Amino acid sequence: MFTSLFSLLVFSLCCLVLLVFFPQFVEALDLHKNSYHIVGSSWGGHVAGVYASKYPENLRSVTLLCPAGLEPKKVTRFVRTLMEGRNLLFPVDSKEFAEFLGCVFFKPPPLPRWALSIALRERVPNYGFFETVFDQLMEPDQRFLLQGCLADIRTPTLALWGKHDQVLCPSGLDILAQGISNCESHYLDDCGHTIAIEQPHHAAGLISEFVLRHHTQSNGFHHTNGAVH
C-alpha cells in the first residue's frame, strides 16, 4: 500500500488515468487489439472497477481485491484512527510501524528492528507528498466513486476480500456482489488487507481459474484468440 511514488501519482489522478492515460497505455502495448483481463487491489481495485464501468468492450474480466471506493457498513481500525486524527499509513518510528503492520496484516510478519529502520528511512521523506495525495483521494467526489459505478460494470467480475481486513471493511464484498450483475465473490480466511502477501496461493488459484474460464467464454463483447494478457 502506498509504496511507490508512481502508483500514488496515478491514484491521485484517478479520472485522468481512466479517460486518458490508461487507454493510451493499453494502446501502446497493443492490448487494444484483443480484449484483456485486469486485476486491481485496494486503490488499484478502485481504479480497475471504475475503468471496467467505462470501457466494458475492452475487457474479458476484471478482478477486484479488497478495492477502495465503497462506502463501508462498519468502521474499521484504520478508519477509526483517522477519525482520532492519526493516519496509520504514515508511521514515524518503530512502534508506529509495528502498529501499521498490525493493521494491514492478519498476522504481521516478524521484522527485525533494522528492517523497520530501513523501511522508515525510505518512507518518511516522502510523507508530505503522500499525505497530499491521500487527502485528494478522500475528497467527496473520489472517496466512493466505485460504488456509484457498480451498476455499469457488465464485465464478468471476481471479487476477493480478506475476512480480517482492518483497513477496508470486508462488508465491501457484499456491496460488490449485490451491485455488479455478473460477480463471483470469495472471502479469504486468515487474511487481512494484503491478500497477495498473506494468501498468494489461494488468491492466485482463484484468479487463474477465473481468468482462464472467461478467456474462452464470451461476455457479450468482441473477443479474438490470443494469449492471456
Protein backbone atom coordinates (compact mmCIF):
# COMPACT_ATOMS: atom_id res chain seq x y z
CA MET A 1 0.00 0.00 0.00
CA PHE A 2 1.28 3.43 -1.00
CA THR A 3 4.80 2.17 -1.55
CA SER A 4 5.53 3.71 -4.91
CA LEU A 5 5.59 7.34 -5.93
CA PHE A 6 4.30 6.44 -9.37
CA SER A 7 1.29 4.48 -8.10
CA LEU A 8 0.35 7.32 -5.79
CA LEU A 9 0.50 9.80 -8.63
CA VAL A 10 -1.69 7.53 -10.74
CA PHE A 11 -4.28 7.20 -8.00
CA SER A 12 -4.35 10.92 -7.32
CA LEU A 13 -5.26 11.49 -10.97
CA CYS A 14 -7.93 8.80 -11.00
CA CYS A 15 -10.30 10.30 -13.57
CA LEU A 16 -7.47 11.41 -15.82
CA VAL A 17 -5.98 7.92 -15.74
CA LEU A 18 -9.31 6.36 -16.68
CA LEU A 19 -10.08 8.73 -19.51
CA VAL A 20 -6.64 9.44 -20.95
CA PHE A 21 -3.55 7.67 -19.63
CA PHE A 22 -4.80 4.12 -19.16
CA PRO A 23 -6.35 3.80 -22.64
CA GLN A 24 -3.12 5.21 -24.08
CA PHE A 25 -1.13 2.68 -22.07
CA VAL A 26 -3.31 -0.13 -23.40
CA GLU A 27 -2.85 1.05 -26.97
CA ALA A 28 0.91 1.43 -26.56
CA LEU A 29 1.13 -2.25 -25.60
CA ASP A 30 -1.21 -3.27 -28.45
CA LEU A 31 -3.63 -4.71 -25.89
CA HIS A 32 -6.46 -2.88 -27.64
CA LYS A 33 -6.25 -5.42 -30.48
CA ASN A 34 -7.68 -8.05 -28.13
CA SER A 35 -9.92 -7.80 -25.12
CA TYR A 36 -7.98 -8.39 -21.90
CA HIS A 37 -8.18 -9.07 -18.16
CA ILE A 38 -7.36 -6.55 -15.43
CA VAL A 39 -6.66 -7.04 -11.73
CA GLY A 40 -6.58 -4.29 -9.12
CA SER A 41 -6.01 -4.25 -5.36
CA SER A 42 -7.05 -1.61 -2.80
CA TRP A 43 -6.87 1.78 -4.56
CA GLY A 44 -5.82 -0.09 -7.70
CA GLY A 45 -9.07 -2.04 -7.39
CA HIS A 46 -10.91 1.27 -7.21
CA VAL A 47 -9.32 2.32 -10.50
CA ALA A 48 -9.88 -1.10 -12.15
CA GLY A 49 -13.56 -1.14 -11.20
CA VAL A 50 -14.27 2.35 -12.50
CA TYR A 51 -12.34 1.55 -15.69
CA ALA A 52 -14.48 -1.58 -16.18
CA SER A 53 -17.62 0.55 -15.91
CA LYS A 54 -16.34 2.96 -18.58
CA TYR A 55 -14.74 0.54 -21.08
CA PRO A 56 -16.60 -2.81 -20.90
CA GLU A 57 -15.95 -3.52 -24.57
CA ASN A 58 -12.21 -3.75 -23.85
CA LEU A 59 -12.37 -6.41 -21.16
CA ARG A 60 -12.84 -10.13 -20.76
CA SER A 61 -12.83 -9.99 -16.98
CA VAL A 62 -11.95 -7.80 -14.01
CA THR A 63 -10.66 -8.94 -10.62
CA LEU A 64 -11.05 -6.68 -7.58
CA LEU A 65 -9.04 -7.38 -4.42
CA CYS A 66 -10.48 -5.50 -1.42
CA PRO A 67 -10.99 -2.36 -3.51
CA ALA A 68 -11.37 1.13 -2.14
CA GLY A 69 -14.18 3.35 -3.37
CA LEU A 70 -17.02 1.71 -1.42
CA GLU A 71 -18.97 3.15 1.49
CA PRO A 72 -18.30 0.83 4.46
CA LYS A 73 -21.02 -0.59 6.68
CA LYS A 74 -18.71 -0.64 9.69
CA VAL A 75 -15.84 1.50 10.92
CA THR A 76 -12.54 -0.34 10.58
CA ARG A 77 -9.49 0.05 12.79
CA PHE A 78 -7.84 2.18 10.12
CA VAL A 79 -10.84 4.49 9.73
CA ARG A 80 -11.26 4.77 13.49
CA THR A 81 -7.69 6.00 13.90
CA LEU A 82 -8.28 8.50 11.07
CA MET A 83 -11.27 9.82 12.99
CA GLU A 84 -8.98 10.17 16.01
CA GLY A 85 -6.58 12.29 13.97
CA ARG A 86 -3.93 9.63 13.25
CA ASN A 87 -3.13 8.01 9.92
CA LEU A 88 -1.59 4.55 10.31
CA LEU A 89 -0.20 4.73 6.78
CA PHE A 90 2.42 7.23 7.93
CA PRO A 91 4.37 5.73 10.84
CA VAL A 92 7.36 7.74 12.06
CA ASP A 93 9.02 5.28 14.46
CA SER A 94 9.33 1.52 15.05
CA LYS A 95 6.36 1.42 17.42
CA GLU A 96 4.05 3.11 14.91
CA PHE A 97 5.38 0.95 12.08
CA ALA A 98 4.52 -2.15 14.09
CA GLU A 99 1.01 -0.74 14.55
CA PHE A 100 0.81 -0.15 10.79
CA LEU A 101 1.76 -3.77 10.09
CA GLY A 102 -0.76 -4.95 12.66
CA CYS A 103 -3.46 -3.08 10.79
CA VAL A 104 -2.75 -4.26 7.24
CA PHE A 105 -1.84 -7.89 8.08
CA PHE A 106 -3.89 -10.58 9.78
CA LYS A 107 -0.62 -11.98 11.15
CA PRO A 108 2.08 -9.29 10.96
CA PRO A 109 5.46 -10.61 9.79
CA PRO A 110 8.19 -10.61 12.45
CA LEU A 111 10.52 -7.92 11.11
CA PRO A 112 13.79 -7.16 12.91
CA ARG A 113 14.36 -3.62 14.17
CA TRP A 114 16.96 -2.89 11.50
CA ALA A 115 14.44 -3.74 8.75
CA LEU A 116 11.90 -1.38 10.30
CA SER A 117 14.53 1.34 10.43
CA ILE A 118 15.34 0.93 6.73
CA ALA A 119 11.65 0.97 5.79
CA LEU A 120 11.09 4.16 7.77
CA ARG A 121 14.16 5.80 6.29
CA GLU A 122 12.80 5.17 2.78
CA ARG A 123 9.21 6.21 3.51
CA VAL A 124 9.32 9.20 5.85
CA PRO A 125 10.96 11.73 3.45
CA ASN A 126 8.03 11.28 1.05
CA TYR A 127 5.25 11.68 3.62
CA GLY A 128 4.46 15.26 2.64
CA PHE A 129 3.62 14.19 -0.88
CA PHE A 130 1.86 11.02 0.27
CA GLU A 131 -0.37 12.95 2.66
CA THR A 132 -1.34 15.41 -0.09
CA VAL A 133 -2.31 12.53 -2.37
CA PHE A 134 -4.21 10.78 0.41
CA ASP A 135 -6.21 13.94 1.09
CA GLN A 136 -7.10 14.12 -2.61
CA LEU A 137 -8.27 10.52 -2.58
CA MET A 138 -10.53 11.27 0.37
CA GLU A 139 -12.31 14.15 -1.37
CA PRO A 140 -16.10 13.58 -1.51
CA ASP A 141 -16.13 13.15 -5.30
CA GLN A 142 -13.40 10.49 -5.18
CA ARG A 143 -13.94 8.58 -1.94
CA PHE A 144 -16.85 6.35 -3.03
CA LEU A 145 -16.51 6.72 -6.80
CA LEU A 146 -16.50 2.97 -7.42
CA GLN A 147 -19.79 2.37 -5.61
CA GLY A 148 -21.59 4.72 -7.96
CA CYS A 149 -20.27 2.78 -10.97
CA LEU A 150 -21.17 -0.78 -9.93
CA ALA A 151 -24.40 -0.99 -11.92
CA ASP A 152 -22.45 -0.13 -15.07
CA ILE A 153 -19.94 -2.97 -14.70
CA ARG A 154 -21.11 -5.63 -17.17
CA THR A 155 -17.79 -7.45 -17.40
CA PRO A 156 -17.51 -10.78 -15.52
CA THR A 157 -16.04 -9.81 -12.16
CA LEU A 158 -14.16 -11.72 -9.47
CA ALA A 159 -14.11 -10.07 -6.04
CA LEU A 160 -11.84 -11.25 -3.20
CA TRP A 161 -11.65 -9.87 0.33
CA GLY A 162 -9.69 -10.84 3.42
CA LYS A 163 -12.07 -11.76 6.24
CA HIS A 164 -9.91 -9.88 8.75
CA ASP A 165 -9.27 -6.71 6.72
CA GLN A 166 -8.85 -3.83 9.19
CA VAL A 167 -8.19 -1.20 6.51
CA LEU A 168 -11.25 -1.51 4.27
CA CYS A 169 -14.39 -3.13 5.69
CA PRO A 170 -14.95 -6.72 4.45
CA SER A 171 -18.64 -5.85 4.02
CA GLY A 172 -17.47 -4.33 0.75
CA LEU A 173 -17.57 -7.84 -0.73
CA ASP A 174 -21.35 -7.96 -0.29
CA ILE A 175 -21.66 -4.50 -1.83
CA LEU A 176 -19.78 -5.72 -4.91
CA ALA A 177 -21.77 -8.96 -5.14
CA GLN A 178 -25.07 -7.11 -4.93
CA GLY A 179 -24.10 -4.18 -7.12
CA ILE A 180 -22.41 -5.99 -10.04
CA SER A 181 -24.70 -8.17 -12.12
CA ASN A 182 -22.09 -10.79 -13.00
CA CYS A 183 -19.92 -11.07 -9.89
CA GLU A 184 -18.27 -14.08 -8.27
CA SER A 185 -17.14 -13.32 -4.72
CA HIS A 186 -14.99 -15.05 -2.09
CA TYR A 187 -13.87 -14.22 1.42
CA LEU A 188 -10.34 -15.40 2.25
CA ASP A 189 -9.72 -16.89 5.70
CA ASP A 190 -6.73 -15.84 7.83
CA CYS A 191 -6.18 -12.78 5.68
CA GLY A 192 -6.15 -9.04 6.20
CA HIS A 193 -5.74 -6.30 3.60
CA THR A 194 -2.61 -7.74 1.98
CA ILE A 195 -4.15 -10.60 0.00
CA ALA A 196 -1.21 -11.03 -2.37
CA ILE A 197 1.16 -11.49 0.58
CA GLU A 198 -0.96 -13.41 3.08
CA GLN A 199 -2.90 -15.71 0.74
CA PRO A 200 -0.88 -15.73 -2.51
CA HIS A 201 -1.54 -19.35 -3.50
CA HIS A 202 -5.25 -19.31 -2.71
CA ALA A 203 -5.79 -15.96 -4.44
CA ALA A 204 -3.67 -16.94 -7.45
CA GLY A 205 -5.63 -20.16 -7.84
CA LEU A 206 -8.98 -18.38 -7.78
CA ILE A 207 -7.79 -15.68 -10.17
CA SER A 208 -6.16 -18.11 -12.61
CA GLU A 209 -9.23 -20.32 -12.79
CA PHE A 210 -11.50 -17.30 -13.27
CA VAL A 211 -9.31 -15.71 -15.94
CA LEU A 212 -8.92 -18.94 -17.91
CA ARG A 213 -12.66 -19.61 -17.76
CA HIS A 214 -13.50 -16.17 -19.09
CA HIS A 215 -10.69 -16.12 -21.59
CA THR A 216 -12.57 -18.69 -23.64
CA GLN A 217 -16.13 -17.63 -22.84
CA SER A 218 -17.82 -14.66 -24.45
CA ASN A 219 -19.15 -11.92 -22.18
CA GLY A 220 -21.20 -10.34 -24.93
CA PHE A 221 -18.38 -8.30 -26.48
CA HIS A 222 -15.94 -8.91 -29.31
CA HIS A 223 -13.04 -11.22 -28.48
CA THR A 224 -10.14 -12.55 -30.52
CA ASN A 225 -7.93 -15.52 -29.85
CA GLY A 226 -4.60 -14.90 -28.20
CA ALA A 227 -2.56 -15.17 -25.07
CA VAL A 228 -3.90 -14.14 -21.71
CA HIS A 229 -2.81 -10.55 -21.02
